[in-house]
N, C-alpha and C. Protein backbone atom coordinates (compact mmCIF):
# COMPACT_ATOMS: atom_id res chain seq x y z
N MET A 1 70.64 -140.27 -74.63
CA MET A 1 70.86 -140.33 -73.17
C MET A 1 71.16 -138.93 -72.64
N ALA A 2 70.66 -138.63 -71.46
CA ALA A 2 70.85 -137.31 -70.86
C ALA A 2 72.30 -137.08 -70.47
N ARG A 3 72.70 -135.80 -70.46
CA ARG A 3 74.07 -135.44 -70.09
C ARG A 3 74.06 -134.45 -68.93
N ILE A 4 75.07 -134.54 -68.11
CA ILE A 4 75.24 -133.58 -67.03
C ILE A 4 75.78 -132.28 -67.61
N THR A 5 75.07 -131.19 -67.38
CA THR A 5 75.48 -129.91 -67.95
C THR A 5 75.97 -128.92 -66.89
N ALA A 6 75.72 -129.21 -65.61
CA ALA A 6 76.23 -128.33 -64.55
C ALA A 6 76.23 -129.08 -63.22
N LEU A 7 77.24 -128.74 -62.40
CA LEU A 7 77.34 -129.26 -61.04
C LEU A 7 77.62 -128.06 -60.13
N ARG A 8 76.68 -127.70 -59.30
CA ARG A 8 76.81 -126.47 -58.50
C ARG A 8 76.65 -126.77 -57.01
N VAL A 9 77.65 -126.32 -56.25
CA VAL A 9 77.57 -126.45 -54.80
C VAL A 9 76.43 -125.58 -54.31
N GLN A 10 75.58 -126.13 -53.47
CA GLN A 10 74.41 -125.38 -53.00
C GLN A 10 74.82 -124.32 -51.98
N SER A 11 74.34 -123.10 -52.17
CA SER A 11 74.70 -122.01 -51.28
C SER A 11 74.19 -122.23 -49.86
N SER A 12 73.07 -122.91 -49.74
CA SER A 12 72.48 -123.14 -48.42
C SER A 12 73.13 -124.30 -47.68
N ASN A 13 73.85 -125.16 -48.42
CA ASN A 13 74.51 -126.32 -47.81
C ASN A 13 75.72 -126.71 -48.64
N PRO A 14 76.91 -126.31 -48.22
CA PRO A 14 78.11 -126.59 -49.00
C PRO A 14 78.46 -128.06 -49.11
N ASN A 15 77.76 -128.91 -48.38
CA ASN A 15 78.01 -130.35 -48.48
C ASN A 15 77.11 -131.02 -49.52
N ARG A 16 76.33 -130.20 -50.23
CA ARG A 16 75.46 -130.75 -51.25
C ARG A 16 75.68 -130.05 -52.58
N VAL A 17 75.49 -130.82 -53.64
CA VAL A 17 75.70 -130.34 -55.01
C VAL A 17 74.43 -130.53 -55.82
N SER A 18 74.03 -129.49 -56.53
CA SER A 18 72.88 -129.59 -57.43
C SER A 18 73.36 -130.12 -58.78
N VAL A 19 72.70 -131.15 -59.26
CA VAL A 19 73.07 -131.76 -60.54
C VAL A 19 72.06 -131.31 -61.61
N PHE A 20 72.57 -130.72 -62.68
CA PHE A 20 71.73 -130.28 -63.79
C PHE A 20 71.94 -131.22 -64.97
N VAL A 21 70.84 -131.71 -65.51
CA VAL A 21 70.88 -132.61 -66.66
C VAL A 21 70.16 -131.94 -67.82
N ASP A 22 70.87 -131.82 -68.94
CA ASP A 22 70.32 -131.14 -70.12
C ASP A 22 69.80 -129.76 -69.75
N ASP A 23 70.63 -129.05 -68.97
CA ASP A 23 70.39 -127.65 -68.58
C ASP A 23 69.21 -127.45 -67.63
N GLU A 24 68.71 -128.53 -67.04
CA GLU A 24 67.64 -128.42 -66.06
C GLU A 24 68.05 -129.11 -64.77
N TYR A 25 67.63 -128.49 -63.64
CA TYR A 25 67.94 -129.11 -62.35
C TYR A 25 67.31 -130.50 -62.29
N ALA A 26 68.11 -131.48 -61.89
CA ALA A 26 67.63 -132.86 -61.84
C ALA A 26 67.47 -133.35 -60.41
N PHE A 27 68.52 -133.20 -59.60
CA PHE A 27 68.47 -133.65 -58.21
C PHE A 27 69.70 -133.14 -57.47
N GLY A 28 69.67 -133.26 -56.15
CA GLY A 28 70.80 -132.89 -55.32
C GLY A 28 71.53 -134.13 -54.84
N LEU A 29 72.84 -133.98 -54.60
CA LEU A 29 73.66 -135.09 -54.13
C LEU A 29 74.60 -134.63 -53.02
N HIS A 30 74.93 -135.54 -52.13
CA HIS A 30 75.99 -135.28 -51.17
C HIS A 30 77.28 -135.04 -51.96
N ILE A 31 78.11 -134.13 -51.49
CA ILE A 31 79.30 -133.73 -52.24
C ILE A 31 80.24 -134.90 -52.50
N ASP A 32 80.29 -135.87 -51.59
CA ASP A 32 81.16 -137.03 -51.79
C ASP A 32 80.72 -137.84 -53.00
N LEU A 33 79.41 -137.94 -53.21
CA LEU A 33 78.90 -138.67 -54.37
C LEU A 33 79.09 -137.86 -55.65
N ALA A 34 78.92 -136.56 -55.54
CA ALA A 34 79.07 -135.69 -56.72
C ALA A 34 80.49 -135.63 -57.23
N MET A 35 81.45 -135.93 -56.35
CA MET A 35 82.87 -135.90 -56.77
C MET A 35 83.15 -136.89 -57.89
N GLY A 36 82.33 -137.92 -58.01
CA GLY A 36 82.54 -138.90 -59.07
C GLY A 36 81.89 -138.54 -60.39
N LEU A 37 81.25 -137.38 -60.45
CA LEU A 37 80.58 -136.94 -61.68
C LEU A 37 81.39 -135.86 -62.39
N HIS A 38 81.11 -135.65 -63.67
CA HIS A 38 81.79 -134.58 -64.42
C HIS A 38 80.87 -134.06 -65.53
N LEU A 39 81.15 -132.84 -65.94
CA LEU A 39 80.35 -132.23 -67.00
C LEU A 39 80.44 -133.05 -68.28
N GLY A 40 79.32 -133.18 -68.94
CA GLY A 40 79.27 -133.93 -70.18
C GLY A 40 79.04 -135.42 -69.98
N GLN A 41 79.06 -135.87 -68.76
CA GLN A 41 78.86 -137.29 -68.48
C GLN A 41 77.44 -137.70 -68.82
N GLU A 42 77.32 -138.81 -69.52
CA GLU A 42 76.00 -139.33 -69.83
C GLU A 42 75.45 -140.05 -68.60
N LEU A 43 74.15 -139.88 -68.39
CA LEU A 43 73.52 -140.43 -67.19
C LEU A 43 72.18 -141.05 -67.57
N SER A 44 72.09 -142.36 -67.44
CA SER A 44 70.83 -143.04 -67.74
C SER A 44 69.86 -142.85 -66.58
N PRO A 45 68.59 -143.08 -66.79
CA PRO A 45 67.62 -142.98 -65.69
C PRO A 45 67.96 -143.93 -64.54
N GLU A 46 68.47 -145.11 -64.89
CA GLU A 46 68.83 -146.08 -63.85
C GLU A 46 70.02 -145.59 -63.03
N GLU A 47 70.99 -144.98 -63.70
CA GLU A 47 72.16 -144.45 -62.97
C GLU A 47 71.75 -143.28 -62.09
N ALA A 48 70.87 -142.43 -62.60
CA ALA A 48 70.40 -141.30 -61.80
C ALA A 48 69.65 -141.80 -60.56
N ALA A 49 68.82 -142.82 -60.74
CA ALA A 49 68.07 -143.38 -59.61
C ALA A 49 69.01 -144.00 -58.58
N ALA A 50 70.06 -144.67 -59.07
CA ALA A 50 71.02 -145.29 -58.16
C ALA A 50 71.76 -144.24 -57.35
N LEU A 51 72.13 -143.13 -58.00
CA LEU A 51 72.82 -142.05 -57.29
C LEU A 51 71.92 -141.45 -56.20
N GLN A 52 70.66 -141.27 -56.55
CA GLN A 52 69.74 -140.69 -55.56
C GLN A 52 69.51 -141.64 -54.38
N LYS A 53 69.54 -142.93 -54.65
CA LYS A 53 69.40 -143.90 -53.55
C LYS A 53 70.64 -143.85 -52.65
N GLN A 54 71.81 -143.76 -53.27
CA GLN A 54 73.05 -143.62 -52.48
C GLN A 54 73.02 -142.34 -51.65
N ASP A 55 72.43 -141.30 -52.22
CA ASP A 55 72.35 -140.02 -51.52
C ASP A 55 71.45 -140.13 -50.29
N VAL A 56 70.34 -140.83 -50.44
CA VAL A 56 69.44 -141.04 -49.30
C VAL A 56 70.19 -141.73 -48.17
N ARG A 57 70.99 -142.71 -48.52
CA ARG A 57 71.73 -143.45 -47.50
C ARG A 57 72.86 -142.62 -46.91
N ALA A 58 73.51 -141.80 -47.73
CA ALA A 58 74.57 -140.93 -47.22
C ALA A 58 73.99 -139.91 -46.24
N MET A 59 72.84 -139.35 -46.58
CA MET A 59 72.18 -138.40 -45.69
C MET A 59 71.72 -139.10 -44.41
N GLY A 60 71.22 -140.31 -44.57
CA GLY A 60 70.80 -141.08 -43.41
C GLY A 60 71.97 -141.37 -42.49
N TYR A 61 73.11 -141.67 -43.07
CA TYR A 61 74.31 -141.96 -42.28
C TYR A 61 74.73 -140.72 -41.49
N GLU A 62 74.72 -139.57 -42.13
CA GLU A 62 75.10 -138.33 -41.44
C GLU A 62 74.12 -138.02 -40.30
N ARG A 63 72.85 -138.22 -40.55
CA ARG A 63 71.86 -137.97 -39.51
C ARG A 63 72.05 -138.93 -38.34
N ALA A 64 72.36 -140.18 -38.67
CA ALA A 64 72.59 -141.17 -37.61
C ALA A 64 73.82 -140.81 -36.78
N LEU A 65 74.86 -140.29 -37.42
CA LEU A 65 76.04 -139.87 -36.68
C LEU A 65 75.70 -138.76 -35.69
N HIS A 66 74.86 -137.84 -36.13
CA HIS A 66 74.42 -136.77 -35.23
C HIS A 66 73.62 -137.35 -34.06
N TYR A 67 72.73 -138.27 -34.37
CA TYR A 67 71.90 -138.93 -33.34
C TYR A 67 72.78 -139.65 -32.33
N LEU A 68 73.84 -140.28 -32.80
CA LEU A 68 74.74 -141.02 -31.93
C LEU A 68 75.69 -140.12 -31.14
N SER A 69 75.78 -138.87 -31.53
CA SER A 69 76.73 -137.97 -30.86
C SER A 69 76.31 -137.63 -29.43
N PHE A 70 75.02 -137.83 -29.11
CA PHE A 70 74.52 -137.49 -27.78
C PHE A 70 74.77 -138.61 -26.77
N ARG A 71 74.59 -139.85 -27.20
CA ARG A 71 74.88 -141.02 -26.37
C ARG A 71 74.84 -142.25 -27.26
N PRO A 72 75.41 -143.37 -26.81
CA PRO A 72 75.28 -144.61 -27.59
C PRO A 72 73.81 -145.00 -27.75
N ARG A 73 73.53 -145.71 -28.83
CA ARG A 73 72.16 -146.14 -29.10
C ARG A 73 72.15 -147.62 -29.47
N SER A 74 71.02 -148.26 -29.23
CA SER A 74 70.86 -149.64 -29.67
C SER A 74 70.54 -149.65 -31.16
N ALA A 75 70.72 -150.82 -31.77
CA ALA A 75 70.40 -150.95 -33.20
C ALA A 75 68.93 -150.62 -33.45
N GLN A 76 68.06 -151.05 -32.55
CA GLN A 76 66.62 -150.77 -32.72
C GLN A 76 66.34 -149.28 -32.65
N GLU A 77 67.00 -148.58 -31.74
CA GLU A 77 66.80 -147.13 -31.63
C GLU A 77 67.22 -146.42 -32.91
N VAL A 78 68.36 -146.83 -33.46
CA VAL A 78 68.85 -146.19 -34.69
C VAL A 78 67.91 -146.48 -35.85
N ALA A 79 67.47 -147.72 -35.97
CA ALA A 79 66.56 -148.09 -37.06
C ALA A 79 65.26 -147.28 -36.97
N GLN A 80 64.72 -147.15 -35.77
CA GLN A 80 63.49 -146.37 -35.60
C GLN A 80 63.71 -144.91 -35.92
N TYR A 81 64.86 -144.38 -35.53
CA TYR A 81 65.18 -142.98 -35.82
C TYR A 81 65.25 -142.75 -37.34
N LEU A 82 65.92 -143.63 -38.04
CA LEU A 82 66.06 -143.48 -39.49
C LEU A 82 64.71 -143.57 -40.20
N LYS A 83 63.88 -144.49 -39.75
CA LYS A 83 62.55 -144.59 -40.35
C LYS A 83 61.73 -143.33 -40.08
N GLY A 84 61.95 -142.74 -38.90
CA GLY A 84 61.28 -141.49 -38.59
C GLY A 84 61.74 -140.34 -39.46
N LYS A 85 62.94 -140.47 -40.02
CA LYS A 85 63.48 -139.45 -40.92
C LYS A 85 63.11 -139.73 -42.38
N GLY A 86 62.27 -140.74 -42.60
CA GLY A 86 61.77 -140.98 -43.94
C GLY A 86 62.46 -142.07 -44.72
N LEU A 87 63.46 -142.74 -44.15
CA LEU A 87 64.12 -143.82 -44.87
C LEU A 87 63.23 -145.05 -44.85
N ASP A 88 63.19 -145.76 -45.98
CA ASP A 88 62.41 -146.99 -45.99
C ASP A 88 63.22 -148.09 -45.30
N GLU A 89 62.61 -149.23 -45.12
CA GLU A 89 63.24 -150.32 -44.35
C GLU A 89 64.57 -150.75 -44.96
N GLU A 90 64.62 -150.84 -46.28
CA GLU A 90 65.85 -151.27 -46.96
C GLU A 90 66.98 -150.28 -46.75
N ASP A 91 66.70 -148.99 -46.93
CA ASP A 91 67.73 -147.98 -46.78
C ASP A 91 68.17 -147.86 -45.31
N ALA A 92 67.21 -147.93 -44.39
CA ALA A 92 67.56 -147.87 -42.97
C ALA A 92 68.46 -149.04 -42.59
N ALA A 93 68.16 -150.21 -43.12
CA ALA A 93 68.98 -151.40 -42.82
C ALA A 93 70.40 -151.24 -43.38
N ALA A 94 70.51 -150.64 -44.56
CA ALA A 94 71.83 -150.44 -45.17
C ALA A 94 72.66 -149.47 -44.35
N VAL A 95 72.04 -148.39 -43.88
CA VAL A 95 72.74 -147.41 -43.04
C VAL A 95 73.15 -148.05 -41.72
N LEU A 96 72.25 -148.80 -41.13
CA LEU A 96 72.54 -149.46 -39.85
C LEU A 96 73.70 -150.44 -40.00
N GLU A 97 73.72 -151.19 -41.08
CA GLU A 97 74.81 -152.14 -41.31
C GLU A 97 76.15 -151.41 -41.42
N ARG A 98 76.16 -150.29 -42.10
CA ARG A 98 77.40 -149.50 -42.22
C ARG A 98 77.86 -149.00 -40.85
N LEU A 99 76.94 -148.57 -40.02
CA LEU A 99 77.28 -148.10 -38.68
C LEU A 99 77.82 -149.24 -37.82
N GLN A 100 77.22 -150.41 -37.97
CA GLN A 100 77.68 -151.57 -37.20
C GLN A 100 79.07 -152.01 -37.65
N GLN A 101 79.31 -151.99 -38.93
CA GLN A 101 80.62 -152.37 -39.44
C GLN A 101 81.71 -151.40 -38.97
N ALA A 102 81.31 -150.14 -38.77
CA ALA A 102 82.26 -149.14 -38.29
C ALA A 102 82.41 -149.18 -36.77
N GLY A 103 81.65 -150.06 -36.11
CA GLY A 103 81.72 -150.17 -34.66
C GLY A 103 81.00 -149.06 -33.92
N LEU A 104 80.14 -148.33 -34.63
CA LEU A 104 79.43 -147.20 -34.02
C LEU A 104 78.10 -147.61 -33.40
N VAL A 105 77.60 -148.76 -33.79
CA VAL A 105 76.39 -149.33 -33.17
C VAL A 105 76.72 -150.77 -32.80
N ASP A 106 76.67 -151.06 -31.51
CA ASP A 106 77.05 -152.37 -30.98
C ASP A 106 76.15 -152.66 -29.79
N ASP A 107 75.22 -153.58 -29.96
CA ASP A 107 74.24 -153.83 -28.90
C ASP A 107 74.86 -154.37 -27.61
N ALA A 108 75.92 -155.16 -27.73
CA ALA A 108 76.57 -155.67 -26.52
C ALA A 108 77.19 -154.52 -25.73
N ALA A 109 77.89 -153.64 -26.43
CA ALA A 109 78.51 -152.48 -25.78
C ALA A 109 77.44 -151.53 -25.24
N PHE A 110 76.35 -151.38 -26.00
CA PHE A 110 75.27 -150.50 -25.54
C PHE A 110 74.67 -151.02 -24.24
N ALA A 111 74.45 -152.33 -24.16
CA ALA A 111 73.86 -152.91 -22.95
C ALA A 111 74.74 -152.63 -21.74
N GLN A 112 76.05 -152.77 -21.91
CA GLN A 112 76.97 -152.50 -20.80
C GLN A 112 76.96 -151.02 -20.43
N PHE A 113 76.93 -150.17 -21.45
CA PHE A 113 76.85 -148.72 -21.20
C PHE A 113 75.59 -148.39 -20.40
N TRP A 114 74.47 -148.97 -20.79
CA TRP A 114 73.20 -148.65 -20.14
C TRP A 114 73.22 -149.06 -18.67
N VAL A 115 73.72 -150.26 -18.42
CA VAL A 115 73.78 -150.75 -17.05
C VAL A 115 74.72 -149.89 -16.20
N ASN A 116 75.88 -149.57 -16.75
CA ASN A 116 76.84 -148.74 -16.02
C ASN A 116 76.27 -147.36 -15.71
N SER A 117 75.57 -146.79 -16.67
CA SER A 117 74.97 -145.47 -16.47
C SER A 117 73.93 -145.51 -15.35
N ARG A 118 73.11 -146.54 -15.36
CA ARG A 118 72.11 -146.69 -14.31
C ARG A 118 72.78 -146.87 -12.95
N GLU A 119 73.81 -147.69 -12.92
CA GLU A 119 74.50 -147.96 -11.66
C GLU A 119 75.10 -146.68 -11.08
N ASN A 120 75.60 -145.83 -11.95
CA ASN A 120 76.27 -144.61 -11.49
C ASN A 120 75.30 -143.50 -11.11
N ALA A 121 74.18 -143.43 -11.83
CA ALA A 121 73.29 -142.28 -11.63
C ALA A 121 71.96 -142.63 -10.97
N ARG A 122 71.40 -143.77 -11.30
CA ARG A 122 70.05 -144.12 -10.82
C ARG A 122 69.96 -145.64 -10.71
N PRO A 123 70.56 -146.21 -9.67
CA PRO A 123 70.60 -147.69 -9.55
C PRO A 123 69.22 -148.32 -9.63
N LYS A 124 69.17 -149.43 -10.35
CA LYS A 124 67.93 -150.19 -10.47
C LYS A 124 68.26 -151.67 -10.32
N GLY A 125 67.23 -152.45 -10.03
CA GLY A 125 67.40 -153.88 -9.92
C GLY A 125 67.59 -154.53 -11.29
N ALA A 126 68.13 -155.74 -11.27
CA ALA A 126 68.38 -156.45 -12.52
C ALA A 126 67.10 -156.66 -13.32
N TRP A 127 65.99 -156.90 -12.62
CA TRP A 127 64.72 -157.09 -13.32
C TRP A 127 64.36 -155.86 -14.14
N ALA A 128 64.48 -154.67 -13.54
CA ALA A 128 64.15 -153.43 -14.24
C ALA A 128 65.11 -153.18 -15.38
N LEU A 129 66.39 -153.46 -15.18
CA LEU A 129 67.37 -153.25 -16.24
C LEU A 129 67.11 -154.17 -17.41
N ARG A 130 66.76 -155.41 -17.13
CA ARG A 130 66.44 -156.34 -18.21
C ARG A 130 65.25 -155.83 -19.02
N ALA A 131 64.23 -155.34 -18.32
CA ALA A 131 63.04 -154.84 -19.01
C ALA A 131 63.38 -153.64 -19.89
N GLU A 132 64.18 -152.72 -19.37
CA GLU A 132 64.56 -151.54 -20.16
C GLU A 132 65.35 -151.93 -21.41
N LEU A 133 66.27 -152.86 -21.25
CA LEU A 133 67.10 -153.27 -22.39
C LEU A 133 66.28 -154.03 -23.43
N ARG A 134 65.34 -154.82 -22.97
CA ARG A 134 64.47 -155.52 -23.94
C ARG A 134 63.65 -154.52 -24.74
N GLN A 135 63.19 -153.46 -24.08
CA GLN A 135 62.43 -152.43 -24.79
C GLN A 135 63.26 -151.77 -25.88
N LYS A 136 64.57 -151.77 -25.71
CA LYS A 136 65.46 -151.16 -26.70
C LYS A 136 65.96 -152.17 -27.72
N GLY A 137 65.38 -153.37 -27.68
CA GLY A 137 65.67 -154.37 -28.70
C GLY A 137 66.94 -155.16 -28.48
N ILE A 138 67.48 -155.15 -27.27
CA ILE A 138 68.72 -155.87 -27.00
C ILE A 138 68.43 -157.36 -26.81
N ALA A 139 69.25 -158.19 -27.43
CA ALA A 139 69.09 -159.64 -27.33
C ALA A 139 69.38 -160.12 -25.91
N ASP A 140 68.71 -161.20 -25.53
CA ASP A 140 68.85 -161.72 -24.17
C ASP A 140 70.29 -162.05 -23.80
N LYS A 141 71.08 -162.54 -24.76
CA LYS A 141 72.47 -162.90 -24.44
C LYS A 141 73.28 -161.67 -24.04
N HIS A 142 73.05 -160.54 -24.69
CA HIS A 142 73.76 -159.31 -24.35
C HIS A 142 73.27 -158.76 -23.01
N ILE A 143 71.97 -158.92 -22.76
CA ILE A 143 71.42 -158.47 -21.47
C ILE A 143 72.04 -159.27 -20.33
N ALA A 144 72.11 -160.59 -20.52
CA ALA A 144 72.66 -161.45 -19.47
C ALA A 144 74.10 -161.07 -19.15
N GLU A 145 74.88 -160.79 -20.19
CA GLU A 145 76.27 -160.40 -19.98
C GLU A 145 76.38 -159.07 -19.23
N ALA A 146 75.49 -158.14 -19.57
CA ALA A 146 75.57 -156.80 -18.99
C ALA A 146 75.19 -156.77 -17.51
N VAL A 147 74.24 -157.61 -17.12
CA VAL A 147 73.78 -157.59 -15.73
C VAL A 147 74.45 -158.64 -14.85
N ALA A 148 75.32 -159.44 -15.45
CA ALA A 148 75.91 -160.58 -14.73
C ALA A 148 76.66 -160.17 -13.47
N ASP A 149 77.36 -159.04 -13.50
CA ASP A 149 78.22 -158.66 -12.38
C ASP A 149 77.59 -157.65 -11.43
N ILE A 150 76.31 -157.40 -11.58
CA ILE A 150 75.65 -156.43 -10.70
C ILE A 150 75.54 -156.99 -9.28
N ASP A 151 75.93 -156.21 -8.32
CA ASP A 151 75.72 -156.53 -6.91
C ASP A 151 74.42 -155.84 -6.50
N GLU A 152 73.33 -156.58 -6.55
CA GLU A 152 72.03 -155.96 -6.32
C GLU A 152 71.90 -155.38 -4.91
N GLN A 153 72.52 -156.02 -3.96
CA GLN A 153 72.43 -155.49 -2.61
C GLN A 153 73.09 -154.13 -2.50
N ALA A 154 74.27 -154.01 -3.10
CA ALA A 154 74.98 -152.73 -3.08
C ALA A 154 74.21 -151.68 -3.88
N SER A 155 73.64 -152.09 -5.01
CA SER A 155 72.87 -151.16 -5.83
C SER A 155 71.63 -150.68 -5.09
N ALA A 156 70.95 -151.59 -4.41
CA ALA A 156 69.75 -151.22 -3.66
C ALA A 156 70.10 -150.24 -2.54
N LEU A 157 71.22 -150.47 -1.91
CA LEU A 157 71.63 -149.57 -0.82
C LEU A 157 71.89 -148.16 -1.35
N ARG A 158 72.58 -148.07 -2.47
CA ARG A 158 72.84 -146.76 -3.06
C ARG A 158 71.54 -146.09 -3.49
N ALA A 159 70.63 -146.90 -4.06
CA ALA A 159 69.36 -146.35 -4.53
C ALA A 159 68.52 -145.83 -3.38
N ALA A 160 68.61 -146.46 -2.19
CA ALA A 160 67.70 -146.16 -1.09
C ALA A 160 68.22 -145.11 -0.12
N GLU A 161 69.51 -144.81 -0.16
CA GLU A 161 70.08 -143.95 0.88
C GLU A 161 69.41 -142.57 0.96
N ARG A 162 69.25 -141.93 -0.16
CA ARG A 162 68.64 -140.59 -0.16
C ARG A 162 67.18 -140.66 0.27
N LYS A 163 66.46 -141.65 -0.24
CA LYS A 163 65.04 -141.81 0.13
C LYS A 163 64.92 -142.08 1.62
N ALA A 164 65.85 -142.85 2.16
CA ALA A 164 65.80 -143.17 3.58
C ALA A 164 65.94 -141.90 4.43
N GLN A 165 66.76 -140.98 3.97
CA GLN A 165 66.92 -139.72 4.70
C GLN A 165 65.62 -138.92 4.70
N GLN A 166 64.91 -138.97 3.58
CA GLN A 166 63.64 -138.25 3.49
C GLN A 166 62.57 -138.85 4.40
N LEU A 167 62.69 -140.14 4.67
CA LEU A 167 61.70 -140.84 5.48
C LEU A 167 62.10 -140.95 6.96
N ALA A 168 63.22 -140.34 7.31
CA ALA A 168 63.80 -140.56 8.63
C ALA A 168 62.88 -140.22 9.79
N GLY A 169 61.98 -139.29 9.63
CA GLY A 169 61.13 -138.87 10.74
C GLY A 169 59.89 -139.71 10.93
N LEU A 170 59.69 -140.73 10.10
CA LEU A 170 58.47 -141.54 10.16
C LEU A 170 58.60 -142.66 11.18
N ASP A 171 57.45 -143.19 11.59
CA ASP A 171 57.47 -144.35 12.47
C ASP A 171 57.98 -145.56 11.69
N GLU A 172 58.38 -146.60 12.42
CA GLU A 172 59.04 -147.75 11.77
C GLU A 172 58.17 -148.40 10.71
N GLY A 173 56.90 -148.61 10.99
CA GLY A 173 56.05 -149.30 10.03
C GLY A 173 55.91 -148.53 8.72
N THR A 174 55.65 -147.24 8.84
CA THR A 174 55.50 -146.41 7.64
C THR A 174 56.82 -146.32 6.89
N TYR A 175 57.90 -146.15 7.62
CA TYR A 175 59.25 -146.08 7.02
C TYR A 175 59.51 -147.35 6.20
N ARG A 176 59.26 -148.48 6.79
CA ARG A 176 59.55 -149.75 6.10
C ARG A 176 58.67 -149.93 4.86
N ARG A 177 57.40 -149.64 4.99
CA ARG A 177 56.49 -149.81 3.85
C ARG A 177 56.89 -148.92 2.68
N ARG A 178 57.15 -147.67 2.99
CA ARG A 178 57.46 -146.72 1.90
C ARG A 178 58.81 -147.01 1.25
N LEU A 179 59.80 -147.33 2.06
CA LEU A 179 61.12 -147.58 1.48
C LEU A 179 61.14 -148.90 0.71
N THR A 180 60.43 -149.90 1.22
CA THR A 180 60.34 -151.17 0.49
C THR A 180 59.64 -150.97 -0.85
N ALA A 181 58.53 -150.22 -0.84
CA ALA A 181 57.81 -149.96 -2.09
C ALA A 181 58.68 -149.19 -3.08
N PHE A 182 59.44 -148.23 -2.57
CA PHE A 182 60.34 -147.45 -3.43
C PHE A 182 61.34 -148.37 -4.13
N LEU A 183 61.95 -149.27 -3.38
CA LEU A 183 62.95 -150.16 -3.96
C LEU A 183 62.33 -151.14 -4.95
N MET A 184 61.15 -151.62 -4.64
CA MET A 184 60.52 -152.55 -5.57
C MET A 184 60.10 -151.86 -6.86
N ARG A 185 59.74 -150.58 -6.78
CA ARG A 185 59.46 -149.82 -8.01
C ARG A 185 60.71 -149.66 -8.85
N ARG A 186 61.86 -149.67 -8.21
CA ARG A 186 63.14 -149.59 -8.92
C ARG A 186 63.58 -150.94 -9.49
N GLY A 187 62.76 -151.96 -9.29
CA GLY A 187 63.07 -153.25 -9.89
C GLY A 187 63.82 -154.21 -9.01
N PHE A 188 63.95 -153.91 -7.72
CA PHE A 188 64.61 -154.83 -6.80
C PHE A 188 63.58 -155.81 -6.24
N GLY A 189 64.01 -157.05 -6.06
CA GLY A 189 63.13 -158.06 -5.50
C GLY A 189 62.83 -157.80 -4.04
N TYR A 190 61.79 -158.47 -3.54
CA TYR A 190 61.35 -158.23 -2.16
C TYR A 190 62.45 -158.56 -1.16
N ALA A 191 63.16 -159.67 -1.38
CA ALA A 191 64.19 -160.08 -0.42
C ALA A 191 65.30 -159.05 -0.33
N VAL A 192 65.74 -158.55 -1.48
CA VAL A 192 66.80 -157.53 -1.50
C VAL A 192 66.29 -156.25 -0.86
N ALA A 193 65.07 -155.87 -1.19
CA ALA A 193 64.50 -154.64 -0.63
C ALA A 193 64.38 -154.75 0.89
N ARG A 194 63.90 -155.87 1.37
CA ARG A 194 63.72 -156.03 2.82
C ARG A 194 65.06 -155.98 3.55
N GLU A 195 66.07 -156.66 3.02
CA GLU A 195 67.39 -156.64 3.66
C GLU A 195 67.96 -155.23 3.70
N THR A 196 67.76 -154.49 2.61
CA THR A 196 68.26 -153.11 2.55
C THR A 196 67.54 -152.23 3.56
N VAL A 197 66.23 -152.37 3.64
CA VAL A 197 65.45 -151.58 4.59
C VAL A 197 65.85 -151.91 6.03
N ASP A 198 66.06 -153.20 6.32
CA ASP A 198 66.50 -153.60 7.66
C ASP A 198 67.81 -152.90 8.02
N ARG A 199 68.72 -152.91 7.08
CA ARG A 199 70.04 -152.32 7.35
C ARG A 199 69.93 -150.82 7.58
N LEU A 200 69.19 -150.14 6.73
CA LEU A 200 69.08 -148.69 6.87
C LEU A 200 68.31 -148.29 8.13
N TRP A 201 67.30 -149.06 8.48
CA TRP A 201 66.56 -148.76 9.70
C TRP A 201 67.45 -148.94 10.93
N ASP A 202 68.24 -150.02 10.94
CA ASP A 202 69.15 -150.27 12.06
C ASP A 202 70.20 -149.16 12.16
N GLU A 203 70.71 -148.70 11.00
CA GLU A 203 71.70 -147.62 11.01
C GLU A 203 71.08 -146.34 11.53
N GLN A 204 69.83 -146.08 11.17
CA GLN A 204 69.16 -144.87 11.62
C GLN A 204 68.96 -144.90 13.13
N ARG A 205 68.56 -146.03 13.67
CA ARG A 205 68.34 -146.16 15.11
C ARG A 205 69.65 -146.02 15.89
N ALA A 206 70.76 -146.42 15.24
CA ALA A 206 72.05 -146.39 15.94
C ALA A 206 72.65 -145.00 16.00
N ARG A 207 72.12 -144.08 15.17
CA ARG A 207 72.67 -142.72 15.17
C ARG A 207 72.27 -142.00 16.47
N PRO A 208 73.21 -141.25 17.03
CA PRO A 208 72.86 -140.51 18.25
C PRO A 208 71.87 -139.40 17.95
N LEU A 209 70.99 -139.15 18.87
CA LEU A 209 70.01 -138.07 18.69
C LEU A 209 70.69 -136.73 18.71
N ALA A 210 70.25 -135.81 17.87
CA ALA A 210 70.85 -134.49 17.82
C ALA A 210 70.49 -133.70 19.07
């Protein structure tokens, strides 16, 4: 059986250790995994393969943490990211499960985050939000919970205010058509869009002329 003859921290990455077996480089390991090894330790091919599999998952976990550092992600987004980094389906699933157990990937929380972000920065209708969340692999029950408290009328008004200012110099018919189309592209239904346009048009007419 092969023996470990050297364990060397890699100069290019202090978080990785080069493992030498029978005086030849065998493979690299994350330092946390290498901590359980020692010189002279016998290592079967099966044990070496198991360590390398653990290393793939440890590296995948670290990469996923970096990916999550920018914003929350859905489980589907994380799985796709890991597969893009070369992890097979089994290893990606194992990393994802670890992240979920740590509370770092939570589709219910992600759905609420997504809706809140849209509401604060770029309001959209519930229809559009549902479509976006489905594209990210969120289950319908989480989507329903996330959009349940949306006041679409208030969201439509916030979404339309700036556009209404840009259209202020147009005649009524053109103003209404363009603003209604804008709101419907944002995922608001016709009834909500029409009520919002009516309100903004009336407010514009009520303003005193400069």
